[in-house]
Amino acid sequence: MSYIVIDESRCKGCGLCTIACTRKLVALSDKPNSMGYTVAVFSDPEKCTGCALCAEMCPDVAIAVFKE
């Protein structure tokens, strides 16, 4: 199983990760972080392949990918 962790303090809500995820497992939240940005959220780790496209696209290095 693979999953990602999004550092909400680094995320600026640009949405590039949502475009990069071919399985549509990353979306922008309605909830802003402490700096007022709507952050990315991850859903359904069962479907994540661990391809890391989301992390590669993130200009703020806010996404870490883990494979078990």
Protein backbone atom coordinates (compact mmCIF):
# COMPACT_ATOMS: atom_id res chain seq x y z
CA MET A 1 0.00 0.00 0.00
CA SER A 2 1.19 3.50 -0.81
CA TYR A 3 0.09 6.80 0.65
CA ILE A 4 1.03 10.46 0.72
CA VAL A 5 1.34 12.97 3.53
CA ILE A 6 0.63 16.61 2.80
CA ASP A 7 2.32 19.21 5.00
CA GLU A 8 -0.50 21.72 5.45
CA SER A 9 1.89 24.39 6.71
CA ARG A 10 3.74 24.34 3.36
CA CYS A 11 0.80 23.87 0.98
CA LYS A 12 -0.36 27.02 -0.81
CA GLY A 13 -3.31 25.41 -2.58
CA CYS A 14 -1.99 25.82 -6.13
CA GLY A 15 -3.79 22.65 -7.23
CA LEU A 16 -0.97 21.22 -9.34
CA CYS A 17 -1.08 17.98 -7.35
CA THR A 18 -4.78 17.57 -8.10
CA ILE A 19 -4.02 17.75 -11.82
CA ALA A 20 -1.05 15.37 -11.53
CA CYS A 21 -2.89 12.58 -9.70
CA THR A 22 -4.18 10.26 -12.42
CA ARG A 23 -6.46 8.51 -9.92
CA LYS A 24 -7.96 11.79 -8.64
CA LEU A 25 -7.04 11.02 -5.01
CA VAL A 26 -5.90 14.57 -4.22
CA ALA A 27 -8.33 17.48 -4.01
CA LEU A 28 -8.37 20.98 -2.57
CA SER A 29 -10.11 21.30 0.76
CA ASP A 30 -12.64 23.95 1.73
CA LYS A 31 -10.74 24.34 5.00
CA PRO A 32 -7.93 26.93 4.90
CA ASN A 33 -4.63 26.34 6.68
CA SER A 34 -3.13 28.74 9.24
CA MET A 35 -1.96 31.04 6.43
CA GLY A 36 -5.37 31.19 4.75
CA TYR A 37 -4.66 28.85 1.82
CA THR A 38 -7.07 26.07 0.89
CA VAL A 39 -4.86 23.03 1.23
CA ALA A 40 -4.70 19.76 -0.67
CA VAL A 41 -6.18 16.67 0.96
CA PHE A 42 -5.58 13.00 0.19
CA SER A 43 -8.31 10.39 0.02
CA ASP A 44 -8.44 6.62 -0.34
CA PRO A 45 -4.89 5.29 0.20
CA GLU A 46 -6.11 1.89 -1.02
CA LYS A 47 -6.12 3.26 -4.58
CA CYS A 48 -2.77 5.11 -4.42
CA THR A 49 -0.04 3.57 -6.60
CA GLY A 50 2.78 5.61 -5.08
CA CYS A 51 3.72 7.06 -8.47
CA ALA A 52 4.77 10.33 -6.78
CA LEU A 53 3.56 12.54 -9.63
CA CYS A 54 1.76 14.72 -7.08
CA ALA A 55 4.97 15.23 -5.09
CA GLU A 56 7.00 15.95 -8.22
CA MET A 57 4.53 18.65 -9.29
CA CYS A 58 4.39 20.37 -5.88
CA PRO A 59 6.44 23.60 -6.06
CA ASP A 60 6.39 23.92 -2.27
CA VAL A 61 7.68 20.39 -1.50
CA ALA A 62 4.62 19.83 0.67
CA ILE A 63 3.98 16.21 -0.34
CA ALA A 64 5.84 13.11 0.84
CA VAL A 65 5.13 9.70 -0.72
CA PHE A 66 5.44 6.47 1.25
CA LYS A 67 5.31 2.88 -0.01
CA GLU A 68 4.76 -0.08 2.29
